[in-house]
Amino acid sequence: YLDMPIQNNIFGSFNEVIINRSVISATHRDYNNKSNISALVLSLDNKLDVSYLGLPDLDISIPMISGRSLLLFDLKNNRHSNNEIPSDKLDGRLSLVFYNK
């Protein structure tokens, strides 16, 4: 968790970032986000070439390619989670989520 000053916010729109390391998230909504839109990025250093963001209410999974995908989506009002990731590929996996608090 990093608190970023308004004048230095990332992408000119987001004032918070959370860095998830070696995490598989359960299905959830980001209720505490101030705005609906969040940005999700996977780091270049991941051992896994692609993982999937599951959106169970929409019955879809979105492929996220390490170091190449940027997803702007309403994570506040839509339930989401990661797909299953083998433990040897999960180690060191980084995802960054930018949002407004």
N, C-alpha and C. Protein backbone atom coordinates (compact mmCIF):
# COMPACT_ATOMS: atom_id res chain seq x y z
N TYR A 1 0.83 -1.18 0.00
CA TYR A 1 0.00 0.00 0.00
C TYR A 1 0.88 1.24 0.00
N LEU A 2 0.66 2.11 -0.98
CA LEU A 2 1.39 3.37 -1.07
C LEU A 2 0.37 4.50 -1.19
N ASP A 3 0.56 5.55 -0.43
CA ASP A 3 -0.29 6.73 -0.51
C ASP A 3 0.44 7.75 -1.38
N MET A 4 -0.13 8.10 -2.53
CA MET A 4 0.53 9.01 -3.45
C MET A 4 -0.14 10.37 -3.40
N PRO A 5 0.65 11.44 -3.31
CA PRO A 5 0.07 12.78 -3.32
C PRO A 5 -0.70 13.03 -4.62
N ILE A 6 -1.77 13.80 -4.52
CA ILE A 6 -2.62 14.09 -5.68
C ILE A 6 -1.81 14.62 -6.86
N GLN A 7 -0.87 15.52 -6.63
CA GLN A 7 -0.12 16.12 -7.74
C GLN A 7 0.80 15.13 -8.44
N ASN A 8 1.07 13.98 -7.83
CA ASN A 8 1.96 12.98 -8.43
C ASN A 8 1.24 11.69 -8.79
N ASN A 9 -0.08 11.74 -8.93
CA ASN A 9 -0.79 10.48 -9.13
C ASN A 9 -0.48 9.86 -10.49
N ILE A 10 -0.50 8.54 -10.51
CA ILE A 10 -0.15 7.76 -11.69
C ILE A 10 -1.25 7.84 -12.74
N PHE A 11 -0.84 7.96 -14.01
CA PHE A 11 -1.74 8.09 -15.15
C PHE A 11 -2.60 9.35 -15.06
N GLY A 12 -2.32 10.24 -14.12
CA GLY A 12 -3.10 11.46 -14.00
C GLY A 12 -4.49 11.25 -13.45
N SER A 13 -4.84 10.01 -13.07
CA SER A 13 -6.20 9.72 -12.62
C SER A 13 -6.26 8.99 -11.29
N PHE A 14 -5.25 8.25 -10.93
CA PHE A 14 -5.31 7.38 -9.76
C PHE A 14 -4.39 7.90 -8.65
N ASN A 15 -4.85 7.80 -7.40
CA ASN A 15 -4.04 8.29 -6.30
C ASN A 15 -3.60 7.20 -5.33
N GLU A 16 -3.86 5.94 -5.66
CA GLU A 16 -3.43 4.81 -4.83
C GLU A 16 -2.95 3.68 -5.74
N VAL A 17 -2.04 2.88 -5.20
CA VAL A 17 -1.62 1.67 -5.90
C VAL A 17 -1.43 0.58 -4.85
N ILE A 18 -1.84 -0.61 -5.18
CA ILE A 18 -1.56 -1.76 -4.32
C ILE A 18 -0.75 -2.74 -5.17
N ILE A 19 0.30 -3.27 -4.56
CA ILE A 19 1.17 -4.23 -5.25
C ILE A 19 0.93 -5.59 -4.61
N ASN A 20 0.44 -6.52 -5.41
CA ASN A 20 0.18 -7.88 -4.94
C ASN A 20 1.35 -8.77 -5.37
N ARG A 21 2.00 -9.39 -4.40
CA ARG A 21 3.13 -10.28 -4.71
C ARG A 21 2.75 -11.70 -4.30
N SER A 22 2.79 -12.61 -5.26
CA SER A 22 2.52 -14.03 -5.03
C SER A 22 1.14 -14.23 -4.40
N VAL A 23 0.14 -13.51 -4.92
CA VAL A 23 -1.21 -13.56 -4.36
C VAL A 23 -2.20 -14.08 -5.39
N ILE A 24 -3.05 -15.01 -4.95
CA ILE A 24 -4.25 -15.38 -5.72
C ILE A 24 -5.42 -14.85 -4.91
N SER A 25 -6.19 -13.96 -5.51
CA SER A 25 -7.29 -13.35 -4.76
C SER A 25 -8.57 -14.16 -4.90
N ALA A 26 -9.31 -14.21 -3.80
CA ALA A 26 -10.64 -14.82 -3.82
C ALA A 26 -11.59 -13.86 -4.54
N THR A 27 -12.74 -14.35 -4.89
CA THR A 27 -13.73 -13.51 -5.57
C THR A 27 -14.17 -12.39 -4.63
N HIS A 28 -14.09 -11.14 -5.14
CA HIS A 28 -14.42 -9.98 -4.31
C HIS A 28 -14.76 -8.78 -5.19
N ARG A 29 -15.29 -7.74 -4.56
CA ARG A 29 -15.46 -6.42 -5.17
C ARG A 29 -14.58 -5.46 -4.38
N ASP A 30 -14.12 -4.41 -5.03
CA ASP A 30 -13.31 -3.40 -4.34
C ASP A 30 -14.23 -2.28 -3.85
N TYR A 31 -15.02 -2.60 -2.82
CA TYR A 31 -16.04 -1.70 -2.30
C TYR A 31 -15.52 -0.34 -1.87
N ASN A 32 -14.30 -0.29 -1.34
CA ASN A 32 -13.79 0.95 -0.78
C ASN A 32 -13.19 1.92 -1.79
N ASN A 33 -13.15 1.52 -3.05
CA ASN A 33 -12.63 2.44 -4.07
C ASN A 33 -13.58 3.62 -4.22
N LYS A 34 -13.00 4.81 -4.40
CA LYS A 34 -13.83 6.01 -4.54
C LYS A 34 -14.52 6.05 -5.91
N SER A 35 -13.77 5.73 -6.95
CA SER A 35 -14.35 5.72 -8.29
C SER A 35 -14.49 4.28 -8.79
N ASN A 36 -15.26 4.11 -9.83
CA ASN A 36 -15.52 2.77 -10.35
C ASN A 36 -14.33 2.19 -11.11
N ILE A 37 -13.59 3.02 -11.83
CA ILE A 37 -12.55 2.51 -12.73
C ILE A 37 -11.23 2.31 -11.99
N SER A 38 -10.63 1.15 -12.21
CA SER A 38 -9.30 0.82 -11.70
C SER A 38 -8.45 0.35 -12.89
N ALA A 39 -7.14 0.38 -12.71
CA ALA A 39 -6.22 -0.11 -13.74
C ALA A 39 -5.42 -1.27 -13.16
N LEU A 40 -5.35 -2.36 -13.90
CA LEU A 40 -4.64 -3.56 -13.48
C LEU A 40 -3.51 -3.84 -14.47
N VAL A 41 -2.30 -4.05 -13.93
CA VAL A 41 -1.10 -4.31 -14.74
C VAL A 41 -0.35 -5.48 -14.11
N LEU A 42 0.22 -6.37 -14.94
CA LEU A 42 1.09 -7.44 -14.46
C LEU A 42 2.53 -7.07 -14.78
N SER A 43 3.44 -7.40 -13.87
CA SER A 43 4.84 -7.04 -14.06
C SER A 43 5.51 -7.90 -15.14
N LEU A 44 6.64 -7.40 -15.64
CA LEU A 44 7.43 -8.12 -16.65
C LEU A 44 8.14 -9.33 -16.07
N ASP A 45 8.37 -9.35 -14.77
CA ASP A 45 9.20 -10.38 -14.15
C ASP A 45 8.45 -11.65 -13.81
N ASN A 46 7.20 -11.75 -14.15
CA ASN A 46 6.42 -12.92 -13.79
C ASN A 46 6.90 -14.16 -14.52
N LYS A 47 6.87 -15.30 -13.83
CA LYS A 47 7.24 -16.58 -14.43
C LYS A 47 6.12 -17.13 -15.30
N LEU A 48 4.95 -16.56 -15.15
CA LEU A 48 3.77 -17.00 -15.88
C LEU A 48 3.52 -16.04 -17.03
N ASP A 49 3.47 -16.54 -18.25
CA ASP A 49 3.28 -15.67 -19.41
C ASP A 49 1.91 -15.01 -19.42
N VAL A 50 0.90 -15.77 -19.01
CA VAL A 50 -0.47 -15.23 -19.02
C VAL A 50 -1.22 -15.79 -17.82
N SER A 51 -2.04 -14.95 -17.23
CA SER A 51 -2.99 -15.39 -16.21
C SER A 51 -4.33 -14.76 -16.56
N TYR A 52 -5.35 -15.11 -15.83
CA TYR A 52 -6.69 -14.67 -16.20
C TYR A 52 -7.38 -14.00 -15.02
N LEU A 53 -8.03 -12.88 -15.32
CA LEU A 53 -8.89 -12.21 -14.35
C LEU A 53 -10.30 -12.72 -14.60
N GLY A 54 -10.84 -13.41 -13.62
CA GLY A 54 -12.19 -13.96 -13.76
C GLY A 54 -13.24 -12.95 -13.33
N LEU A 55 -14.28 -12.83 -14.13
CA LEU A 55 -15.43 -11.98 -13.82
C LEU A 55 -16.67 -12.88 -13.80
N PRO A 56 -16.95 -13.50 -12.64
CA PRO A 56 -17.99 -14.53 -12.57
C PRO A 56 -19.40 -14.04 -12.91
N ASP A 57 -19.72 -12.78 -12.58
CA ASP A 57 -21.06 -12.28 -12.89
C ASP A 57 -21.28 -12.08 -14.38
N LEU A 58 -20.18 -11.88 -15.10
CA LEU A 58 -20.25 -11.73 -16.56
C LEU A 58 -19.92 -13.04 -17.28
N ASP A 59 -19.51 -14.05 -16.50
CA ASP A 59 -19.15 -15.37 -17.02
C ASP A 59 -18.04 -15.29 -18.07
N ILE A 60 -17.02 -14.47 -17.76
CA ILE A 60 -15.87 -14.37 -18.67
C ILE A 60 -14.57 -14.34 -17.86
N SER A 61 -13.49 -14.66 -18.53
CA SER A 61 -12.14 -14.50 -17.99
C SER A 61 -11.33 -13.70 -18.99
N ILE A 62 -10.61 -12.72 -18.51
CA ILE A 62 -9.83 -11.85 -19.38
C ILE A 62 -8.36 -12.23 -19.26
N PRO A 63 -7.71 -12.58 -20.39
CA PRO A 63 -6.29 -12.91 -20.32
C PRO A 63 -5.45 -11.67 -20.03
N MET A 64 -4.52 -11.82 -19.09
CA MET A 64 -3.60 -10.75 -18.74
C MET A 64 -2.20 -11.25 -19.03
N ILE A 65 -1.54 -10.66 -20.02
CA ILE A 65 -0.21 -11.08 -20.44
C ILE A 65 0.82 -10.28 -19.64
N SER A 66 1.74 -10.98 -19.02
CA SER A 66 2.74 -10.33 -18.17
C SER A 66 3.51 -9.26 -18.94
N GLY A 67 3.52 -8.04 -18.39
CA GLY A 67 4.26 -6.94 -18.98
C GLY A 67 3.66 -6.33 -20.22
N ARG A 68 2.50 -6.84 -20.67
CA ARG A 68 1.93 -6.33 -21.92
C ARG A 68 0.46 -5.95 -21.81
N SER A 69 -0.18 -6.26 -20.71
CA SER A 69 -1.61 -6.00 -20.60
C SER A 69 -1.89 -4.89 -19.59
N LEU A 70 -2.82 -4.04 -19.97
CA LEU A 70 -3.36 -3.01 -19.09
C LEU A 70 -4.88 -3.13 -19.19
N LEU A 71 -5.52 -3.33 -18.05
CA LEU A 71 -6.97 -3.45 -18.02
C LEU A 71 -7.55 -2.31 -17.21
N LEU A 72 -8.42 -1.52 -17.82
CA LEU A 72 -9.18 -0.48 -17.13
C LEU A 72 -10.59 -1.02 -17.00
N PHE A 73 -11.06 -1.15 -15.76
CA PHE A 73 -12.34 -1.83 -15.55
C PHE A 73 -12.96 -1.38 -14.25
N ASP A 74 -14.26 -1.57 -14.12
CA ASP A 74 -15.01 -1.26 -12.91
C ASP A 74 -14.85 -2.43 -11.93
N LEU A 75 -13.81 -2.35 -11.09
CA LEU A 75 -13.56 -3.40 -10.10
C LEU A 75 -14.33 -3.15 -8.81
N LYS A 76 -14.95 -1.97 -8.71
CA LYS A 76 -15.75 -1.65 -7.52
C LYS A 76 -17.09 -2.37 -7.55
N ASN A 77 -17.71 -2.44 -8.70
CA ASN A 77 -19.06 -2.99 -8.81
C ASN A 77 -19.13 -4.38 -9.44
N ASN A 78 -18.00 -4.89 -9.90
CA ASN A 78 -17.97 -6.22 -10.52
C ASN A 78 -17.10 -7.15 -9.70
N ARG A 79 -17.64 -8.31 -9.34
CA ARG A 79 -16.85 -9.32 -8.63
C ARG A 79 -15.76 -9.82 -9.56
N HIS A 80 -14.58 -10.05 -8.99
CA HIS A 80 -13.44 -10.51 -9.78
C HIS A 80 -12.50 -11.33 -8.91
N SER A 81 -11.67 -12.14 -9.58
CA SER A 81 -10.68 -12.98 -8.90
C SER A 81 -9.64 -13.43 -9.91
N ASN A 82 -8.57 -14.07 -9.41
CA ASN A 82 -7.56 -14.68 -10.27
C ASN A 82 -7.96 -16.10 -10.60
N ASN A 83 -7.40 -16.60 -11.69
CA ASN A 83 -7.51 -18.03 -11.98
C ASN A 83 -6.55 -18.80 -11.08
N GLU A 84 -6.66 -20.11 -11.09
CA GLU A 84 -5.70 -20.94 -10.36
C GLU A 84 -4.34 -20.81 -11.03
N ILE A 85 -3.31 -20.66 -10.22
CA ILE A 85 -1.95 -20.50 -10.73
C ILE A 85 -1.06 -21.52 -10.00
N PRO A 86 -0.31 -22.34 -10.74
CA PRO A 86 0.57 -23.31 -10.08
C PRO A 86 1.56 -22.60 -9.14
N SER A 87 1.83 -23.21 -7.99
CA SER A 87 2.66 -22.56 -6.97
C SER A 87 4.05 -22.20 -7.50
N ASP A 88 4.63 -23.01 -8.39
CA ASP A 88 5.96 -22.69 -8.91
C ASP A 88 5.93 -21.47 -9.83
N LYS A 89 4.78 -21.15 -10.41
CA LYS A 89 4.64 -19.97 -11.27
C LYS A 89 4.18 -18.75 -10.46
N LEU A 90 3.56 -19.01 -9.31
CA LEU A 90 3.03 -17.93 -8.47
C LEU A 90 4.15 -17.19 -7.74
N ASP A 91 5.21 -17.89 -7.39
CA ASP A 91 6.29 -17.31 -6.62
C ASP A 91 6.88 -16.08 -7.32
N GLY A 92 6.78 -14.94 -6.68
CA GLY A 92 7.32 -13.71 -7.24
C GLY A 92 6.41 -13.00 -8.21
N ARG A 93 5.23 -13.54 -8.49
CA ARG A 93 4.29 -12.89 -9.43
C ARG A 93 3.84 -11.56 -8.84
N LEU A 94 3.94 -10.52 -9.64
CA LEU A 94 3.53 -9.19 -9.21
C LEU A 94 2.38 -8.66 -10.07
N SER A 95 1.38 -8.14 -9.41
CA SER A 95 0.34 -7.40 -10.11
C SER A 95 0.18 -6.06 -9.42
N LEU A 96 -0.11 -5.02 -10.19
CA LEU A 96 -0.30 -3.69 -9.65
C LEU A 96 -1.71 -3.24 -9.99
N VAL A 97 -2.38 -2.71 -9.00
CA VAL A 97 -3.74 -2.20 -9.19
C VAL A 97 -3.73 -0.73 -8.79
N PHE A 98 -4.07 0.13 -9.74
CA PHE A 98 -4.15 1.57 -9.51
C PHE A 98 -5.62 1.93 -9.36
N TYR A 99 -5.91 2.79 -8.38
CA TYR A 99 -7.32 3.13 -8.11
C TYR A 99 -7.38 4.42 -7.32
N ASN A 100 -8.58 4.91 -7.06
CA ASN A 100 -8.80 6.10 -6.24
C ASN A 100 -9.40 5.69 -4.92
N LYS A 101 -8.86 6.25 -3.86
CA LYS A 101 -9.35 5.95 -2.51
C LYS A 101 -10.06 7.17 -1.96
